[in-house]
Amino acid sequence: METDRIALGALTEGLPPTLFLSPLDRIFADHFRQRALFRSLDRIAAGPEVEPALITAVIGFLATEVEPHWTDEEDDLFPLLRARARPEDRIRRLLARLARDHAAARSARVAIIRGLPDPATRRDPAFREMLTGFAADERRHLCLENAVVLPIARARLGHQDLMVLGQRMAARRGVPIAMTEYVT
């Protein structure tokens, strides 16, 4: 299936390290990959005929990519926004809500990683409901980040903020980068 092939690429092909030079673009690109994850979870929940490679890719992505992304936001982006946002941005409550969303999603993420390898678990209606529920909740979460958080970040974060954000995101993944050609 063509959509499975596209999702497989999004889930297994890493983002270029140069995106750390433009960290808000990196976060947005991660959101695109996460949307491929959510489509894949819906696909797995919908039917028995799923390529093993897609299941492996979903497990790998959930195991290695999602937590660092959430940490990028919780430990770096959100604190920067709290420090730089203006009162009229009214973002503090939203950032607290998004951090709570991450906390709630963590247990589902672990359960999905544990359950996906087992065909019997994948057929279980409660597990399928968990997959689609996780995907739906996270889609709503990404909509808020893309529509509200990232535009405010682009407006409020300065060059130095973005440079530090990119460096910390890269360091979290063990990627050495020189920030001499930093792009905003």
C-alpha atoms as a PDB file:
ATOM      1  CA  MET A   1       0.000   0.000   0.000  1.00  0.00           C
ATOM      2  CA  GLU A   2       1.398   3.390  -1.040  1.00  0.00           C
ATOM      3  CA  THR A   3       0.486   5.171   2.192  1.00  0.00           C
ATOM      4  CA  ASP A   4       2.325   2.482   4.168  1.00  0.00           C
ATOM      5  CA  ARG A   5       5.426   3.038   2.030  1.00  0.00           C
ATOM      6  CA  ILE A   6       5.302   6.795   2.618  1.00  0.00           C
ATOM      7  CA  ALA A   7       4.770   6.305   6.346  1.00  0.00           C
ATOM      8  CA  LEU A   8       7.615   3.806   6.468  1.00  0.00           C
ATOM      9  CA  GLY A   9       9.949   6.389   4.954  1.00  0.00           C
ATOM     10  CA  ALA A  10       8.825   9.115   7.347  1.00  0.00           C
ATOM     11  CA  LEU A  11       9.298   6.838  10.340  1.00  0.00           C
ATOM     12  CA  THR A  12      12.668   5.369   9.392  1.00  0.00           C
ATOM     13  CA  GLU A  13      14.504   8.159   7.586  1.00  0.00           C
ATOM     14  CA  GLY A  14      16.054  10.583  10.012  1.00  0.00           C
ATOM     15  CA  LEU A  15      15.900  14.319   9.630  1.00  0.00           C
ATOM     16  CA  PRO A  16      19.007  16.092   8.353  1.00  0.00           C
ATOM     17  CA  PRO A  17      21.286  17.376  11.125  1.00  0.00           C
ATOM     18  CA  THR A  18      21.240  20.815   9.505  1.00  0.00           C
ATOM     19  CA  LEU A  19      17.680  21.237  10.800  1.00  0.00           C
ATOM     20  CA  PHE A  20      19.141  21.730  14.275  1.00  0.00           C
ATOM     21  CA  LEU A  21      20.358  25.063  12.902  1.00  0.00           C
ATOM     22  CA  SER A  22      16.699  26.025  12.549  1.00  0.00           C
ATOM     23  CA  PRO A  23      15.174  24.308  15.589  1.00  0.00           C
ATOM     24  CA  LEU A  24      11.587  25.465  15.106  1.00  0.00           C
ATOM     25  CA  ASP A  25      11.658  24.009  11.606  1.00  0.00           C
ATOM     26  CA  ARG A  26      13.076  20.811  13.110  1.00  0.00           C
ATOM     27  CA  ILE A  27      10.176  20.618  15.564  1.00  0.00           C
ATOM     28  CA  PHE A  28       7.699  21.214  12.729  1.00  0.00           C
ATOM     29  CA  ALA A  29       9.380  18.471  10.658  1.00  0.00           C
ATOM     30  CA  ASP A  30       9.143  16.129  13.660  1.00  0.00           C
ATOM     31  CA  HIS A  31       5.430  16.907  13.777  1.00  0.00           C
ATOM     32  CA  PHE A  32       5.108  15.794  10.147  1.00  0.00           C
ATOM     33  CA  ARG A  33       6.801  12.504  11.024  1.00  0.00           C
ATOM     34  CA  GLN A  34       4.513  12.106  14.019  1.00  0.00           C
ATOM     35  CA  ARG A  35       1.474  12.546  11.769  1.00  0.00           C
ATOM     36  CA  ALA A  36       2.815   9.609   9.732  1.00  0.00           C
ATOM     37  CA  LEU A  37       3.058   7.687  13.009  1.00  0.00           C
ATOM     38  CA  PHE A  38      -0.574   8.445  13.841  1.00  0.00           C
ATOM     39  CA  ARG A  39      -1.759   7.361  10.379  1.00  0.00           C
ATOM     40  CA  SER A  40       0.196   4.144  10.862  1.00  0.00           C
ATOM     41  CA  LEU A  41      -1.368   3.513  14.265  1.00  0.00           C
ATOM     42  CA  ASP A  42      -4.819   4.011  12.743  1.00  0.00           C
ATOM     43  CA  ARG A  43      -3.877   1.629   9.928  1.00  0.00           C
ATOM     44  CA  ILE A  44      -2.663  -1.025  12.371  1.00  0.00           C
ATOM     45  CA  ALA A  45      -5.832  -0.643  14.449  1.00  0.00           C
ATOM     46  CA  ALA A  46      -8.065  -0.937  11.378  1.00  0.00           C
ATOM     47  CA  GLY A  47      -6.989  -4.243  10.015  1.00  0.00           C
ATOM     48  CA  PRO A  48      -5.137  -7.494  10.269  1.00  0.00           C
ATOM     49  CA  GLU A  49      -3.099  -7.057   7.070  1.00  0.00           C
ATOM     50  CA  VAL A  50      -0.210  -4.833   8.069  1.00  0.00           C
ATOM     51  CA  GLU A  51       3.325  -5.186   6.808  1.00  0.00           C
ATOM     52  CA  PRO A  52       5.703  -6.312   9.565  1.00  0.00           C
ATOM     53  CA  ALA A  53       8.114  -3.588   8.437  1.00  0.00           C
ATOM     54  CA  LEU A  54       5.529  -0.929   9.285  1.00  0.00           C
ATOM     55  CA  ILE A  55       4.998  -2.375  12.756  1.00  0.00           C
ATOM     56  CA  THR A  56       8.762  -2.479  13.295  1.00  0.00           C
ATOM     57  CA  ALA A  57       9.077   1.132  12.109  1.00  0.00           C
ATOM     58  CA  VAL A  58       6.289   2.301  14.421  1.00  0.00           C
ATOM     59  CA  ILE A  59       7.871   0.560  17.406  1.00  0.00           C
ATOM     60  CA  GLY A  60      11.289   1.994  16.547  1.00  0.00           C
ATOM     61  CA  PHE A  61       9.938   5.511  16.135  1.00  0.00           C
ATOM     62  CA  LEU A  62       7.986   5.370  19.385  1.00  0.00           C
ATOM     63  CA  ALA A  63      10.997   3.926  21.206  1.00  0.00           C
ATOM     64  CA  THR A  64      13.613   6.385  19.936  1.00  0.00           C
ATOM     65  CA  GLU A  65      12.090   9.562  18.501  1.00  0.00           C
ATOM     66  CA  VAL A  66       9.056  10.599  20.519  1.00  0.00           C
ATOM     67  CA  GLU A  67      10.560  11.021  23.984  1.00  0.00           C
ATOM     68  CA  PRO A  68      13.464  13.249  22.835  1.00  0.00           C
ATOM     69  CA  HIS A  69      10.953  15.412  20.963  1.00  0.00           C
ATOM     70  CA  TRP A  70       8.786  15.809  24.052  1.00  0.00           C
ATOM     71  CA  THR A  71      11.900  16.632  26.079  1.00  0.00           C
ATOM     72  CA  ASP A  72      12.906  19.257  23.492  1.00  0.00           C
ATOM     73  CA  GLU A  73       9.593  20.945  24.113  1.00  0.00           C
ATOM     74  CA  GLU A  74       9.268  20.501  27.887  1.00  0.00           C
ATOM     75  CA  ASP A  75      12.871  21.212  28.881  1.00  0.00           C
ATOM     76  CA  ASP A  76      13.815  23.816  26.306  1.00  0.00           C
ATOM     77  CA  LEU A  77      11.105  25.294  24.082  1.00  0.00           C
ATOM     78  CA  PHE A  78       8.376  25.744  26.696  1.00  0.00           C
ATOM     79  CA  PRO A  79      10.678  27.393  29.291  1.00  0.00           C
ATOM     80  CA  LEU A  80      12.028  29.752  26.620  1.00  0.00           C
ATOM     81  CA  LEU A  81       8.490  30.684  25.657  1.00  0.00           C
ATOM     82  CA  ARG A  82       7.494  31.261  29.277  1.00  0.00           C
ATOM     83  CA  ALA A  83      10.448  33.634  29.595  1.00  0.00           C
ATOM     84  CA  ARG A  84       9.875  35.478  26.301  1.00  0.00           C
ATOM     85  CA  ALA A  85       6.104  35.482  25.823  1.00  0.00           C
ATOM     86  CA  ARG A  86       4.190  38.673  26.378  1.00  0.00           C
ATOM     87  CA  PRO A  87       1.070  38.770  28.538  1.00  0.00           C
ATOM     88  CA  GLU A  88      -1.107  39.173  25.449  1.00  0.00           C
ATOM     89  CA  ASP A  89       0.236  35.852  24.118  1.00  0.00           C
ATOM     90  CA  ARG A  90      -1.693  34.073  26.905  1.00  0.00           C
ATOM     91  CA  ILE A  91       0.388  30.945  26.433  1.00  0.00           C
ATOM     92  CA  ARG A  92       1.319  29.836  29.950  1.00  0.00           C
ATOM     93  CA  ARG A  93      -1.819  27.761  30.531  1.00  0.00           C
ATOM     94  CA  LEU A  94      -1.515  26.191  27.089  1.00  0.00           C
ATOM     95  CA  LEU A  95       2.103  25.193  27.749  1.00  0.00           C
ATOM     96  CA  ALA A  96       1.058  23.595  31.048  1.00  0.00           C
ATOM     97  CA  ARG A  97      -1.705  21.710  29.237  1.00  0.00           C
ATOM     98  CA  LEU A  98       0.699  20.486  26.545  1.00  0.00           C
ATOM     99  CA  ALA A  99       3.139  19.243  29.192  1.00  0.00           C
ATOM    100  CA  ARG A 100       0.256  17.376  30.871  1.00  0.00           C
ATOM    101  CA  ASP A 101      -0.626  15.879  27.477  1.00  0.00           C
ATOM    102  CA  HIS A 102       2.934  14.561  27.193  1.00  0.00           C
ATOM    103  CA  ALA A 103       2.724  13.030  30.665  1.00  0.00           C
ATOM    104  CA  ALA A 104      -0.557  11.304  29.830  1.00  0.00           C
ATOM    105  CA  ALA A 105       0.780  10.049  26.493  1.00  0.00           C
ATOM    106  CA  ARG A 106       3.884   8.490  28.044  1.00  0.00           C
ATOM    107  CA  SER A 107       2.055   5.518  29.554  1.00  0.00           C
ATOM    108  CA  ALA A 108       0.156   4.864  26.316  1.00  0.00           C
ATOM    109  CA  ARG A 109       3.437   5.053  24.387  1.00  0.00           C
ATOM    110  CA  VAL A 110       4.972   2.353  26.587  1.00  0.00           C
ATOM    111  CA  ALA A 111       1.885   0.131  26.312  1.00  0.00           C
ATOM    112  CA  ILE A 112       1.873   0.499  22.523  1.00  0.00           C
ATOM    113  CA  ILE A 113       5.556  -0.421  22.273  1.00  0.00           C
ATOM    114  CA  ARG A 114       4.936  -3.498  24.430  1.00  0.00           C
ATOM    115  CA  GLY A 115       1.773  -4.589  22.625  1.00  0.00           C
ATOM    116  CA  LEU A 116       2.547  -4.060  18.945  1.00  0.00           C
ATOM    117  CA  PRO A 117       4.888  -7.050  18.484  1.00  0.00           C
ATOM    118  CA  ASP A 118       2.159  -9.497  19.538  1.00  0.00           C
ATOM    119  CA  PRO A 119      -0.472 -10.277  16.839  1.00  0.00           C
ATOM    120  CA  ALA A 120      -3.009 -11.329  19.483  1.00  0.00           C
ATOM    121  CA  THR A 121      -2.633  -8.007  21.282  1.00  0.00           C
ATOM    122  CA  ARG A 122      -2.999  -6.126  17.980  1.00  0.00           C
ATOM    123  CA  ARG A 123      -6.344  -7.903  17.429  1.00  0.00           C
ATOM    124  CA  ASP A 124      -7.639  -6.994  20.888  1.00  0.00           C
ATOM    125  CA  PRO A 125     -10.407  -4.344  20.583  1.00  0.00           C
ATOM    126  CA  ALA A 126      -9.216  -2.491  23.698  1.00  0.00           C
ATOM    127  CA  PHE A 127      -5.678  -2.279  22.301  1.00  0.00           C
ATOM    128  CA  ARG A 128      -6.993  -1.056  18.955  1.00  0.00           C
ATOM    129  CA  GLU A 129      -9.025   1.580  20.754  1.00  0.00           C
ATOM    130  CA  MET A 130      -5.905   2.651  22.641  1.00  0.00           C
ATOM    131  CA  LEU A 131      -4.024   3.020  19.326  1.00  0.00           C
ATOM    132  CA  THR A 132      -6.707   5.186  17.744  1.00  0.00           C
ATOM    133  CA  GLY A 133      -7.232   7.168  20.949  1.00  0.00           C
ATOM    134  CA  PHE A 134      -3.518   7.893  21.270  1.00  0.00           C
ATOM    135  CA  ALA A 135      -3.380   8.961  17.621  1.00  0.00           C
ATOM    136  CA  ALA A 136      -6.432  11.234  17.951  1.00  0.00           C
ATOM    137  CA  ASP A 137      -5.214  12.856  21.177  1.00  0.00           C
ATOM    138  CA  GLU A 138      -1.763  13.470  19.757  1.00  0.00           C
ATOM    139  CA  ARG A 139      -3.184  14.929  16.527  1.00  0.00           C
ATOM    140  CA  ARG A 140      -5.106  17.507  18.568  1.00  0.00           C
ATOM    141  CA  HIS A 141      -1.935  18.186  20.542  1.00  0.00           C
ATOM    142  CA  LEU A 142       0.081  18.799  17.361  1.00  0.00           C
ATOM    143  CA  CYS A 143      -2.603  21.116  16.010  1.00  0.00           C
ATOM    144  CA  LEU A 144      -2.199  23.349  19.066  1.00  0.00           C
ATOM    145  CA  GLU A 145       1.573  23.294  18.826  1.00  0.00           C
ATOM    146  CA  ASN A 146       1.598  24.046  15.101  1.00  0.00           C
ATOM    147  CA  ALA A 147      -1.149  26.682  15.178  1.00  0.00           C
ATOM    148  CA  VAL A 148      -0.314  28.472  18.433  1.00  0.00           C
ATOM    149  CA  VAL A 149       3.023  27.536  20.004  1.00  0.00           C
ATOM    150  CA  LEU A 150       5.309  27.590  16.968  1.00  0.00           C
ATOM    151  CA  PRO A 151       4.005  30.932  15.597  1.00  0.00           C
ATOM    152  CA  ILE A 152       4.469  32.568  19.011  1.00  0.00           C
ATOM    153  CA  ALA A 153       7.934  31.011  19.270  1.00  0.00           C
ATOM    154  CA  ARG A 154       8.837  32.437  15.858  1.00  0.00           C
ATOM    155  CA  ALA A 155       7.656  35.865  16.983  1.00  0.00           C
ATOM    156  CA  ARG A 156       9.213  35.903  20.449  1.00  0.00           C
ATOM    157  CA  LEU A 157      12.422  33.864  20.434  1.00  0.00           C
ATOM    158  CA  GLY A 158      15.572  35.681  19.471  1.00  0.00           C
ATOM    159  CA  HIS A 159      18.652  34.503  17.625  1.00  0.00           C
ATOM    160  CA  GLN A 160      20.452  33.477  20.828  1.00  0.00           C
ATOM    161  CA  ASP A 161      17.386  31.606  22.098  1.00  0.00           C
ATOM    162  CA  LEU A 162      17.150  29.657  18.852  1.00  0.00           C
ATOM    163  CA  MET A 163      20.859  28.927  18.828  1.00  0.00           C
ATOM    164  CA  VAL A 164      20.729  27.483  22.359  1.00  0.00           C
ATOM    165  CA  LEU A 165      17.543  25.549  21.544  1.00  0.00           C
ATOM    166  CA  GLY A 166      19.160  23.985  18.473  1.00  0.00           C
ATOM    167  CA  GLN A 167      22.352  23.128  20.344  1.00  0.00           C
ATOM    168  CA  ARG A 168      20.463  21.458  23.182  1.00  0.00           C
ATOM    169  CA  MET A 169      18.256  19.498  20.791  1.00  0.00           C
ATOM    170  CA  ALA A 170      21.314  18.287  18.870  1.00  0.00           C
ATOM    171  CA  ALA A 171      23.223  17.415  22.051  1.00  0.00           C
ATOM    172  CA  ARG A 172      20.245  15.421  23.317  1.00  0.00           C
ATOM    173  CA  ARG A 173      20.660  13.185  20.261  1.00  0.00           C
ATOM    174  CA  GLY A 174      24.454  13.090  20.341  1.00  0.00           C
ATOM    175  CA  VAL A 175      24.749  15.179  17.181  1.00  0.00           C
ATOM    176  CA  PRO A 176      27.711  17.559  17.136  1.00  0.00           C
ATOM    177  CA  ILE A 177      26.903  20.757  15.276  1.00  0.00           C
ATOM    178  CA  ALA A 178      28.685  24.032  14.797  1.00  0.00           C
ATOM    179  CA  MET A 179      26.287  26.905  15.160  1.00  0.00           C
ATOM    180  CA  THR A 180      28.335  29.262  13.009  1.00  0.00           C
ATOM    181  CA  GLU A 181      25.807  29.323  10.172  1.00  0.00           C
ATOM    182  CA  TYR A 182      22.719  29.611  12.272  1.00  0.00           C
ATOM    183  CA  VAL A 183      19.427  30.181  10.478  1.00  0.00           C
ATOM    184  CA  THR A 184      16.311  31.582  12.175  1.00  0.00           C
END
